[in-house]
C-alpha atoms as a PDB file:
ATOM      1  CA  MET A   1       2.327 -12.573 -22.341  1.00  0.00           C
ATOM      2  CA  PRO A   2      -1.335 -12.073 -21.244  1.00  0.00           C
ATOM      3  CA  ALA A   3      -2.150 -12.538 -17.716  1.00  0.00           C
ATOM      4  CA  THR A   4      -3.575 -16.034 -16.723  1.00  0.00           C
ATOM      5  CA  LEU A   5      -5.692 -16.650 -13.673  1.00  0.00           C
ATOM      6  CA  ILE A   6      -5.546 -19.934 -11.721  1.00  0.00           C
ATOM      7  CA  THR A   7      -8.202 -20.524  -9.096  1.00  0.00           C
ATOM      8  CA  LYS A   8      -6.780 -22.396  -6.048  1.00  0.00           C
ATOM      9  CA  LYS A   9      -9.931 -22.644  -4.062  1.00  0.00           C
ATOM     10  CA  HIS A  10     -13.565 -21.632  -4.561  1.00  0.00           C
ATOM     11  CA  GLY A  11     -16.066 -19.759  -2.341  1.00  0.00           C
ATOM     12  CA  ALA A  12     -15.610 -16.434  -0.627  1.00  0.00           C
ATOM     13  CA  PRO A  13     -12.998 -15.380  -0.356  1.00  0.00           C
ATOM     14  CA  GLN A  14     -11.227 -16.897  -3.355  1.00  0.00           C
ATOM     15  CA  THR A  15      -7.442 -17.313  -3.181  1.00  0.00           C
ATOM     16  CA  ARG A  16      -5.834 -17.013  -6.664  1.00  0.00           C
ATOM     17  CA  TRP A  17      -2.468 -17.083  -8.321  1.00  0.00           C
ATOM     18  CA  ILE A  18      -2.236 -14.564 -11.224  1.00  0.00           C
ATOM     19  CA  GLU A  19       0.551 -15.123 -13.600  1.00  0.00           C
ATOM     20  CA  ALA A  20       1.634 -11.938 -15.434  1.00  0.00           C
ATOM     21  CA  ASP A  21       4.947 -10.468 -16.774  1.00  0.00           C
ATOM     22  CA  GLY A  22       6.773 -13.685 -15.535  1.00  0.00           C
ATOM     23  CA  VAL A  23       5.586 -13.078 -11.973  1.00  0.00           C
ATOM     24  CA  HIS A  24       3.196 -15.182  -9.882  1.00  0.00           C
ATOM     25  CA  PHE A  25       1.021 -12.862  -7.897  1.00  0.00           C
ATOM     26  CA  HIS A  26      -0.904 -14.095  -4.834  1.00  0.00           C
ATOM     27  CA  ALA A  27      -4.300 -12.565  -4.721  1.00  0.00           C
ATOM     28  CA  GLU A  28      -7.576 -12.835  -2.983  1.00  0.00           C
ATOM     29  CA  LEU A  29     -11.079 -11.719  -3.970  1.00  0.00           C
ATOM     30  CA  ALA A  30     -14.382 -11.581  -2.029  1.00  0.00           C
ATOM     31  CA  GLY A  31     -17.706  -9.922  -2.086  1.00  0.00           C
ATOM     32  CA  GLN A  32     -19.641  -8.475  -4.994  1.00  0.00           C
ATOM     33  CA  ASP A  33     -20.675  -5.190  -6.442  1.00  0.00           C
ATOM     34  CA  GLU A  34     -18.444  -2.231  -6.978  1.00  0.00           C
ATOM     35  CA  ALA A  35     -14.725  -3.138  -6.614  1.00  0.00           C
ATOM     36  CA  ILE A  36     -12.145  -1.860  -4.160  1.00  0.00           C
ATOM     37  CA  ALA A  37      -8.480  -2.884  -4.872  1.00  0.00           C
ATOM     38  CA  MET A  38      -6.139  -2.832  -1.983  1.00  0.00           C
ATOM     39  CA  LEU A  39      -2.350  -1.976  -2.311  1.00  0.00           C
ATOM     40  CA  HIS A  40      -0.242  -2.732   0.758  1.00  0.00           C
ATOM     41  CA  GLY A  41       2.751  -0.764   2.097  1.00  0.00           C
ATOM     42  CA  PHE A  42       6.228  -1.760   1.180  1.00  0.00           C
ATOM     43  CA  LEU A  43       7.235  -2.940   4.650  1.00  0.00           C
ATOM     44  CA  VAL A  44       4.368  -5.448   4.845  1.00  0.00           C
ATOM     45  CA  ASP A  45       2.143  -7.505   2.531  1.00  0.00           C
ATOM     46  CA  SER A  46      -1.517  -7.890   1.745  1.00  0.00           C
ATOM     47  CA  GLY A  47      -2.073  -9.045   5.322  1.00  0.00           C
ATOM     48  CA  GLN A  48      -2.098  -5.396   6.217  1.00  0.00           C
ATOM     49  CA  TRP A  49      -5.647  -5.272   4.965  1.00  0.00           C
ATOM     50  CA  ASP A  50      -7.074  -8.278   6.963  1.00  0.00           C
ATOM     51  CA  ALA A  51      -9.704  -6.195   8.778  1.00  0.00           C
ATOM     52  CA  GLU A  52     -10.580  -3.958   5.688  1.00  0.00           C
ATOM     53  CA  PHE A  53     -10.741  -6.975   3.340  1.00  0.00           C
ATOM     54  CA  ALA A  54     -13.244  -8.807   5.686  1.00  0.00           C
ATOM     55  CA  ALA A  55     -15.297  -5.703   6.495  1.00  0.00           C
ATOM     56  CA  LEU A  56     -15.597  -4.105   3.080  1.00  0.00           C
ATOM     57  CA  ALA A  57     -16.451  -7.378   1.359  1.00  0.00           C
ATOM     58  CA  GLU A  58     -19.853  -7.031   3.077  1.00  0.00           C
ATOM     59  CA  ASP A  59     -20.882  -4.314   0.593  1.00  0.00           C
ATOM     60  CA  HIS A  60     -18.133  -4.391  -2.170  1.00  0.00           C
ATOM     61  CA  ARG A  61     -16.157  -6.709  -4.393  1.00  0.00           C
ATOM     62  CA  VAL A  62     -12.704  -6.583  -2.835  1.00  0.00           C
ATOM     63  CA  LEU A  63      -9.376  -7.505  -4.217  1.00  0.00           C
ATOM     64  CA  ARG A  64      -5.971  -7.586  -2.382  1.00  0.00           C
ATOM     65  CA  TYR A  65      -2.715  -8.968  -3.567  1.00  0.00           C
ATOM     66  CA  ASP A  66       0.951  -9.229  -2.702  1.00  0.00           C
ATOM     67  CA  LEU A  67       2.933  -6.832  -4.931  1.00  0.00           C
ATOM     68  CA  ARG A  68       5.842  -8.342  -6.735  1.00  0.00           C
ATOM     69  CA  GLY A  69       8.624  -9.309  -4.387  1.00  0.00           C
ATOM     70  CA  PHE A  70       6.394  -9.094  -1.345  1.00  0.00           C
ATOM     71  CA  GLY A  71       4.625 -11.697   0.698  1.00  0.00           C
ATOM     72  CA  ARG A  72       3.927 -14.675  -1.514  1.00  0.00           C
ATOM     73  CA  SER A  73       4.447 -13.095  -4.912  1.00  0.00           C
ATOM     74  CA  SER A  74       7.499 -13.852  -6.852  1.00  0.00           C
ATOM     75  CA  MET A  75      10.020 -11.449  -8.400  1.00  0.00           C
ATOM     76  CA  THR A  76      12.094 -11.391 -11.676  1.00  0.00           C
ATOM     77  CA  ASP A  77      15.200  -9.763 -12.728  1.00  0.00           C
ATOM     78  CA  ALA A  78      13.498  -7.582 -15.413  1.00  0.00           C
ATOM     79  CA  PRO A  79      12.589  -4.002 -15.067  1.00  0.00           C
ATOM     80  CA  PHE A  80       9.037  -3.320 -13.938  1.00  0.00           C
ATOM     81  CA  ALA A  81       6.462  -0.669 -12.847  1.00  0.00           C
ATOM     82  CA  HIS A  82       4.050  -1.435 -10.030  1.00  0.00           C
ATOM     83  CA  HIS A  83       1.137   0.407 -11.585  1.00  0.00           C
ATOM     84  CA  GLU A  84       1.432  -1.737 -14.737  1.00  0.00           C
ATOM     85  CA  ASP A  85       1.230  -4.762 -12.438  1.00  0.00           C
ATOM     86  CA  LEU A  86      -1.933  -3.373 -10.963  1.00  0.00           C
ATOM     87  CA  GLU A  87      -3.402  -2.997 -14.577  1.00  0.00           C
ATOM     88  CA  ARG A  88      -2.554  -6.698 -15.162  1.00  0.00           C
ATOM     89  CA  ILE A  89      -4.076  -7.774 -11.887  1.00  0.00           C
ATOM     90  CA  LEU A  90      -7.337  -5.953 -12.500  1.00  0.00           C
ATOM     91  CA  ASN A  91      -7.619  -7.233 -16.004  1.00  0.00           C
ATOM     92  CA  ALA A  92      -7.037 -10.830 -14.874  1.00  0.00           C
ATOM     93  CA  SER A  93      -9.667 -10.330 -12.207  1.00  0.00           C
ATOM     94  CA  GLY A  94     -12.285  -8.974 -14.498  1.00  0.00           C
ATOM     95  CA  ILE A  95     -12.316  -5.528 -12.829  1.00  0.00           C
ATOM     96  CA  ASP A  96     -12.782  -2.694 -15.260  1.00  0.00           C
ATOM     97  CA  ARG A  97     -13.159   0.093 -12.747  1.00  0.00           C
ATOM     98  CA  ALA A  98     -12.372   0.299  -9.012  1.00  0.00           C
ATOM     99  CA  ALA A  99     -11.709   2.439  -6.018  1.00  0.00           C
ATOM    100  CA  LEU A 100      -8.191   2.046  -4.788  1.00  0.00           C
ATOM    101  CA  LEU A 101      -7.028   1.711  -1.169  1.00  0.00           C
ATOM    102  CA  GLY A 102      -3.214   2.170  -0.771  1.00  0.00           C
ATOM    103  CA  CYS A 103      -0.603   2.546   1.921  1.00  0.00           C
ATOM    104  CA  SER A 104       2.834   4.076   1.471  1.00  0.00           C
ATOM    105  CA  GLY A 105       4.325   2.760  -1.802  1.00  0.00           C
ATOM    106  CA  GLY A 106       0.888   1.178  -2.582  1.00  0.00           C
ATOM    107  CA  ALA A 107      -0.426   4.773  -2.560  1.00  0.00           C
ATOM    108  CA  GLY A 108       2.293   5.709  -4.971  1.00  0.00           C
ATOM    109  CA  THR A 109       1.200   2.820  -7.118  1.00  0.00           C
ATOM    110  CA  ALA A 110      -2.393   4.035  -7.026  1.00  0.00           C
ATOM    111  CA  LEU A 111      -1.417   7.535  -7.997  1.00  0.00           C
ATOM    112  CA  ASP A 112       0.528   6.340 -11.005  1.00  0.00           C
ATOM    113  CA  PHE A 113      -2.281   4.015 -12.123  1.00  0.00           C
ATOM    114  CA  ALA A 114      -5.046   6.653 -11.814  1.00  0.00           C
ATOM    115  CA  LEU A 115      -3.020   9.135 -13.820  1.00  0.00           C
ATOM    116  CA  ALA A 116      -2.412   6.496 -16.544  1.00  0.00           C
ATOM    117  CA  HIS A 117      -5.999   5.182 -16.515  1.00  0.00           C
ATOM    118  CA  PRO A 118      -8.266   7.781 -14.999  1.00  0.00           C
ATOM    119  CA  GLU A 119     -11.404   6.113 -16.492  1.00  0.00           C
ATOM    120  CA  ARG A 120     -10.678   3.011 -14.321  1.00  0.00           C
ATOM    121  CA  VAL A 121     -10.509   4.767 -10.962  1.00  0.00           C
ATOM    122  CA  ARG A 122     -13.655   5.734  -8.958  1.00  0.00           C
ATOM    123  CA  ALA A 123     -12.059   7.078  -5.878  1.00  0.00           C
ATOM    124  CA  MET A 124      -8.921   6.615  -3.650  1.00  0.00           C
ATOM    125  CA  ALA A 125      -8.120   6.306   0.015  1.00  0.00           C
ATOM    126  CA  PHE A 126      -4.605   6.500   1.271  1.00  0.00           C
ATOM    127  CA  VAL A 127      -3.090   5.445   4.672  1.00  0.00           C
ATOM    128  CA  GLY A 128       0.454   7.051   5.280  1.00  0.00           C
ATOM    129  CA  ALA A 129       0.754   7.900   1.599  1.00  0.00           C
ATOM    130  CA  GLY A 130       4.188   7.604  -0.118  1.00  0.00           C
ATOM    131  CA  TYR A 131       5.629   8.246  -3.366  1.00  0.00           C
ATOM    132  CA  TRP A 132       8.957   7.476  -5.179  1.00  0.00           C
ATOM    133  CA  GLY A 133      11.660   9.880  -4.185  1.00  0.00           C
ATOM    134  CA  TYR A 134       9.601  11.525  -1.395  1.00  0.00           C
ATOM    135  CA  TYR A 135      11.349   9.384   1.297  1.00  0.00           C
ATOM    136  CA  ALA A 136      11.710   9.931   5.003  1.00  0.00           C
ATOM    137  CA  THR A 137      15.488  10.754   5.494  1.00  0.00           C
ATOM    138  CA  ARG A 138      15.734  13.556   8.165  1.00  0.00           C
ATOM    139  CA  THR A 139      15.360  11.869  11.464  1.00  0.00           C
ATOM    140  CA  PRO A 140      17.968   9.529  12.973  1.00  0.00           C
ATOM    141  CA  GLU A 141      15.507   6.585  12.839  1.00  0.00           C
ATOM    142  CA  ALA A 142      15.029   7.131   9.113  1.00  0.00           C
ATOM    143  CA  LYS A 143      18.828   7.475   8.485  1.00  0.00           C
ATOM    144  CA  ALA A 144      19.185   4.205  10.359  1.00  0.00           C
ATOM    145  CA  PHE A 145      16.610   2.538   8.138  1.00  0.00           C
ATOM    146  CA  TRP A 146      18.352   3.587   4.903  1.00  0.00           C
ATOM    147  CA  ALA A 147      21.634   2.452   6.262  1.00  0.00           C
ATOM    148  CA  ALA A 148      20.150  -0.907   6.900  1.00  0.00           C
ATOM    149  CA  VAL A 149      18.771  -0.967   3.346  1.00  0.00           C
ATOM    150  CA  GLU A 150      22.232  -0.344   2.007  1.00  0.00           C
ATOM    151  CA  SER A 151      23.860  -3.050   4.241  1.00  0.00           C
ATOM    152  CA  GLY A 152      21.120  -5.540   3.349  1.00  0.00           C
ATOM    153  CA  ASP A 153      21.179  -6.930   6.897  1.00  0.00           C
ATOM    154  CA  PRO A 154      17.630  -8.325   7.471  1.00  0.00           C
ATOM    155  CA  ASP A 155      17.810  -8.054  11.351  1.00  0.00           C
ATOM    156  CA  ALA A 156      19.008  -4.419  11.125  1.00  0.00           C
ATOM    157  CA  LEU A 157      16.293  -3.746   8.515  1.00  0.00           C
ATOM    158  CA  LEU A 158      13.503  -5.130  10.729  1.00  0.00           C
ATOM    159  CA  ASP A 159      14.699  -3.253  13.826  1.00  0.00           C
ATOM    160  CA  ALA A 160      15.243   0.074  11.982  1.00  0.00           C
ATOM    161  CA  SER A 161      11.855  -0.252  10.186  1.00  0.00           C
ATOM    162  CA  LEU A 162       9.933  -0.754  13.370  1.00  0.00           C
ATOM    163  CA  ARG A 163      11.790   2.119  15.036  1.00  0.00           C
ATOM    164  CA  SER A 164      11.355   4.534  12.241  1.00  0.00           C
ATOM    165  CA  PHE A 165       7.827   3.683  10.866  1.00  0.00           C
ATOM    166  CA  LEU A 166       6.011   2.071  13.853  1.00  0.00           C
ATOM    167  CA  ASP A 167       7.281   3.991  16.697  1.00  0.00           C
ATOM    168  CA  GLY A 168       8.261   7.093  14.755  1.00  0.00           C
ATOM    169  CA  PRO A 169      10.556   9.909  15.893  1.00  0.00           C
ATOM    170  CA  ARG A 170       8.698  10.726  19.088  1.00  0.00           C
ATOM    171  CA  ARG A 171       7.716   7.356  20.711  1.00  0.00           C
ATOM    172  CA  ALA A 172       9.702   4.686  22.531  1.00  0.00           C
ATOM    173  CA  PRO A 173       8.935   1.137  21.528  1.00  0.00           C
ATOM    174  CA  GLU A 174       6.989   0.470  24.707  1.00  0.00           C
ATOM    175  CA  GLN A 175       4.698   3.240  23.796  1.00  0.00           C
ATOM    176  CA  SER A 176       3.527   1.649  20.613  1.00  0.00           C
ATOM    177  CA  ASN A 177       0.722  -0.853  20.194  1.00  0.00           C
ATOM    178  CA  PRO A 178       2.232  -4.249  20.963  1.00  0.00           C
ATOM    179  CA  GLU A 179      -0.245  -6.222  18.871  1.00  0.00           C
ATOM    180  CA  ALA A 180       0.428  -3.902  15.934  1.00  0.00           C
ATOM    181  CA  ARG A 181       4.172  -4.343  16.400  1.00  0.00           C
ATOM    182  CA  ALA A 182       3.882  -8.215  16.313  1.00  0.00           C
ATOM    183  CA  ARG A 183       1.741  -8.077  13.108  1.00  0.00           C
ATOM    184  CA  ILE A 184       3.946  -5.678  11.232  1.00  0.00           C
ATOM    185  CA  ALA A 185       7.230  -7.336  12.422  1.00  0.00           C
ATOM    186  CA  ALA A 186       6.056 -10.764  11.121  1.00  0.00           C
ATOM    187  CA  MET A 187       5.254  -9.379   7.668  1.00  0.00           C
ATOM    188  CA  SER A 188       8.393  -7.142   7.549  1.00  0.00           C
ATOM    189  CA  GLN A 189      10.779  -9.956   8.775  1.00  0.00           C
ATOM    190  CA  TRP A 190       9.614 -12.350   5.879  1.00  0.00           C
ATOM    191  CA  ASN A 191      10.053  -9.474   3.191  1.00  0.00           C
ATOM    192  CA  PHE A 192      13.473  -8.479   4.489  1.00  0.00           C
ATOM    193  CA  GLY A 193      14.715 -12.079   4.629  1.00  0.00           C
ATOM    194  CA  ARG A 194      13.800 -13.049   1.138  1.00  0.00           C
ATOM    195  CA  THR A 195      16.674 -13.474  -1.287  1.00  0.00           C
ATOM    196  CA  ASP A 196      14.337 -12.618  -4.208  1.00  0.00           C
ATOM    197  CA  GLY A 197      12.407  -9.849  -2.485  1.00  0.00           C
ATOM    198  CA  TYR A 198      11.660  -6.365  -3.566  1.00  0.00           C
ATOM    199  CA  TRP A 199      14.149  -4.788  -1.221  1.00  0.00           C
ATOM    200  CA  LYS A 200      16.994  -6.793  -2.949  1.00  0.00           C
ATOM    201  CA  LYS A 201      15.881  -5.681  -6.332  1.00  0.00           C
ATOM    202  CA  ALA A 202      14.265  -2.170  -6.009  1.00  0.00           C
ATOM    203  CA  ALA A 203      16.687  -0.749  -8.401  1.00  0.00           C
ATOM    204  CA  LEU A 204      14.735  -2.579 -11.150  1.00  0.00           C
ATOM    205  CA  GLN A 205      11.606  -0.417 -10.624  1.00  0.00           C
ATOM    206  CA  ARG A 206      10.715   2.034 -13.284  1.00  0.00           C
ATOM    207  CA  ASN A 207       8.811   5.163 -12.317  1.00  0.00           C
ATOM    208  CA  PRO A 208       6.923   7.799 -14.480  1.00  0.00           C
ATOM    209  CA  ALA A 209       8.987  10.458 -16.028  1.00  0.00           C
ATOM    210  CA  VAL A 210       6.840  13.153 -14.509  1.00  0.00           C
ATOM    211  CA  PRO A 211       6.153  12.394 -10.802  1.00  0.00           C
ATOM    212  CA  ALA A 212       2.456  12.161  -9.735  1.00  0.00           C
ATOM    213  CA  PRO A 213       2.857  15.036  -7.147  1.00  0.00           C
ATOM    214  CA  GLU A 214       3.406  17.321  -9.991  1.00  0.00           C
ATOM    215  CA  ARG A 215       0.211  16.267 -11.808  1.00  0.00           C
ATOM    216  CA  LEU A 216      -2.366  16.258  -8.856  1.00  0.00           C
ATOM    217  CA  ALA A 217      -4.762  18.772 -10.590  1.00  0.00           C
ATOM    218  CA  GLU A 218      -5.463  16.154 -13.199  1.00  0.00           C
ATOM    219  CA  LEU A 219      -6.925  13.711 -10.645  1.00  0.00           C
ATOM    220  CA  ARG A 220     -10.586  14.919 -10.309  1.00  0.00           C
ATOM    221  CA  ILE A 221     -11.880  12.126  -8.139  1.00  0.00           C
ATOM    222  CA  PRO A 222     -12.555  12.034  -4.365  1.00  0.00           C
ATOM    223  CA  VAL A 223      -9.526  11.142  -2.286  1.00  0.00           C
ATOM    224  CA  LEU A 224      -9.363  10.406   1.488  1.00  0.00           C
ATOM    225  CA  LEU A 225      -5.875  10.893   3.103  1.00  0.00           C
ATOM    226  CA  ILE A 226      -5.290   9.352   6.524  1.00  0.00           C
ATOM    227  CA  VAL A 227      -1.903   9.892   8.241  1.00  0.00           C
ATOM    228  CA  GLY A 228      -0.732   9.053  11.673  1.00  0.00           C
ATOM    229  CA  GLU A 229       0.519  11.950  13.891  1.00  0.00           C
ATOM    230  CA  GLU A 230       3.576   9.764  14.913  1.00  0.00           C
ATOM    231  CA  ASP A 231       4.651   9.071  11.257  1.00  0.00           C
ATOM    232  CA  GLN A 232       7.870  10.385   9.981  1.00  0.00           C
ATOM    233  CA  PRO A 233       7.701  14.143   9.111  1.00  0.00           C
ATOM    234  CA  GLU A 234       8.143  13.617   5.445  1.00  0.00           C
ATOM    235  CA  VAL A 235       5.091  11.363   5.262  1.00  0.00           C
ATOM    236  CA  ILE A 236       2.965  13.793   7.051  1.00  0.00           C
ATOM    237  CA  GLU A 237       4.214  16.593   4.712  1.00  0.00           C
ATOM    238  CA  LEU A 238       3.435  14.548   1.666  1.00  0.00           C
ATOM    239  CA  SER A 239      -0.166  13.979   2.758  1.00  0.00           C
ATOM    240  CA  GLU A 240      -0.451  17.634   3.321  1.00  0.00           C
ATOM    241  CA  ARG A 241       0.859  18.293  -0.147  1.00  0.00           C
ATOM    242  CA  LEU A 242      -1.615  15.795  -1.671  1.00  0.00           C
ATOM    243  CA  ALA A 243      -4.436  17.348   0.328  1.00  0.00           C
ATOM    244  CA  ALA A 244      -3.539  20.849  -1.062  1.00  0.00           C
ATOM    245  CA  GLY A 245      -3.018  19.800  -4.692  1.00  0.00           C
ATOM    246  CA  LEU A 246      -5.813  17.330  -5.251  1.00  0.00           C
ATOM    247  CA  PRO A 247      -9.116  18.990  -6.372  1.00  0.00           C
ATOM    248  CA  ASP A 248     -11.233  16.849  -4.186  1.00  0.00           C
ATOM    249  CA  ALA A 249      -9.300  15.658  -1.110  1.00  0.00           C
ATOM    250  CA  HIS A 250      -9.841  15.300   2.607  1.00  0.00           C
ATOM    251  CA  LEU A 251      -7.090  14.811   5.174  1.00  0.00           C
ATOM    252  CA  VAL A 252      -7.525  13.129   8.508  1.00  0.00           C
ATOM    253  CA  ARG A 253      -4.836  13.083  11.106  1.00  0.00           C
ATOM    254  CA  VAL A 254      -4.990  10.172  13.519  1.00  0.00           C
ATOM    255  CA  PRO A 255      -3.291  10.555  17.073  1.00  0.00           C
ATOM    256  CA  ASP A 256      -1.217   7.786  18.641  1.00  0.00           C
ATOM    257  CA  ALA A 257      -0.393   6.106  15.356  1.00  0.00           C
ATOM    258  CA  GLY A 258       2.700   5.695  13.090  1.00  0.00           C
ATOM    259  CA  HIS A 259       2.948   4.619   9.446  1.00  0.00           C
ATOM    260  CA  HIS A 260       0.563   1.803   9.247  1.00  0.00           C
ATOM    261  CA  VAL A 261      -2.305   3.681  10.736  1.00  0.00           C
ATOM    262  CA  ASN A 262      -4.991   1.101   9.888  1.00  0.00           C
ATOM    263  CA  ILE A 263      -3.190  -1.674  11.939  1.00  0.00           C
ATOM    264  CA  GLU A 264      -2.598   0.548  14.937  1.00  0.00           C
ATOM    265  CA  ARG A 265      -5.933   2.430  15.028  1.00  0.00           C
ATOM    266  CA  PRO A 266      -8.566   0.256  13.296  1.00  0.00           C
ATOM    267  CA  ASP A 267     -11.179   1.903  15.615  1.00  0.00           C
ATOM    268  CA  VAL A 268     -10.555   5.136  13.710  1.00  0.00           C
ATOM    269  CA  VAL A 269      -9.556   4.104  10.290  1.00  0.00           C
ATOM    270  CA  LEU A 270     -12.119   1.379   9.400  1.00  0.00           C
ATOM    271  CA  PRO A 271     -15.208   3.552  10.015  1.00  0.00           C
ATOM    272  CA  LEU A 272     -13.624   6.402   7.968  1.00  0.00           C
ATOM    273  CA  LEU A 273     -12.994   3.912   5.047  1.00  0.00           C
ATOM    274  CA  ARG A 274     -16.527   2.423   5.315  1.00  0.00           C
ATOM    275  CA  GLU A 275     -18.072   5.835   5.122  1.00  0.00           C
ATOM    276  CA  PHE A 276     -15.824   7.064   2.332  1.00  0.00           C
ATOM    277  CA  PHE A 277     -16.387   4.077   0.038  1.00  0.00           C
ATOM    278  CA  ALA A 278     -20.113   4.163   0.678  1.00  0.00           C
ATOM    279  CA  GLU A 279     -20.283   7.854  -0.263  1.00  0.00           C
ATOM    280  CA  THR A 280     -18.246   7.323  -3.480  1.00  0.00           C
ATOM    281  CA  ARG A 281     -20.243   4.494  -4.900  1.00  0.00           C
ATOM    282  CA  ALA A 282     -21.234   5.186  -8.486  1.00  0.00           C
END
């Protein structure tokens, strides 16, 4: 079924519901000129990009949406691929070409989309990049997170996710940014508590036959990689692999920050993103 777009309110920003593939996606658009599409991490929702959405709309057309099964977007019982959803969202929003800003699984979605539609991607910026199968599993905190995923206990999931991906393997909870903890916890609690959420139906996700990290040489566009030094070791290692394999990539390590670097250290991340997207305008 072709995507249909329903405008809920007018002005800037515009909040919209995009119906595609049986899912109602919650999306927001603002600004004008060259587009930036924002893809949140899989522990949060599009609220991750509050600061970036407002700031980058000053010079760009910005789009953010809740991926299926996250935030306010619905979920179905049919197989799906996140990068195919991104194509539907861009089409429904009238965006032919965009820069992509992604965190964690949102970065994985961006990589898959860029490989499938290279002509539609101008540049990419990743915060704590993730990819399917390249998961954090070695530390005690990461093991506790996956045990909570198996159990399906939303309270255990929330606690384990904060310990694993906000605090990281080297920080105690009291050493992390309390405002960031509150913001991330609110988004994560909603996602984990949903009976129809992504974490209940992740097995329906379909991924490309050849993983993106094995095809990095094909992506000849500028890529900015930002990773927190307190993130899980596998996340840091994946950012290093992407930096080494992508033809035009730059890696920035941010101290005193875990997985959602932009929420913990906006003082560092937002200026980096402003500069990168300004330099990569067509």
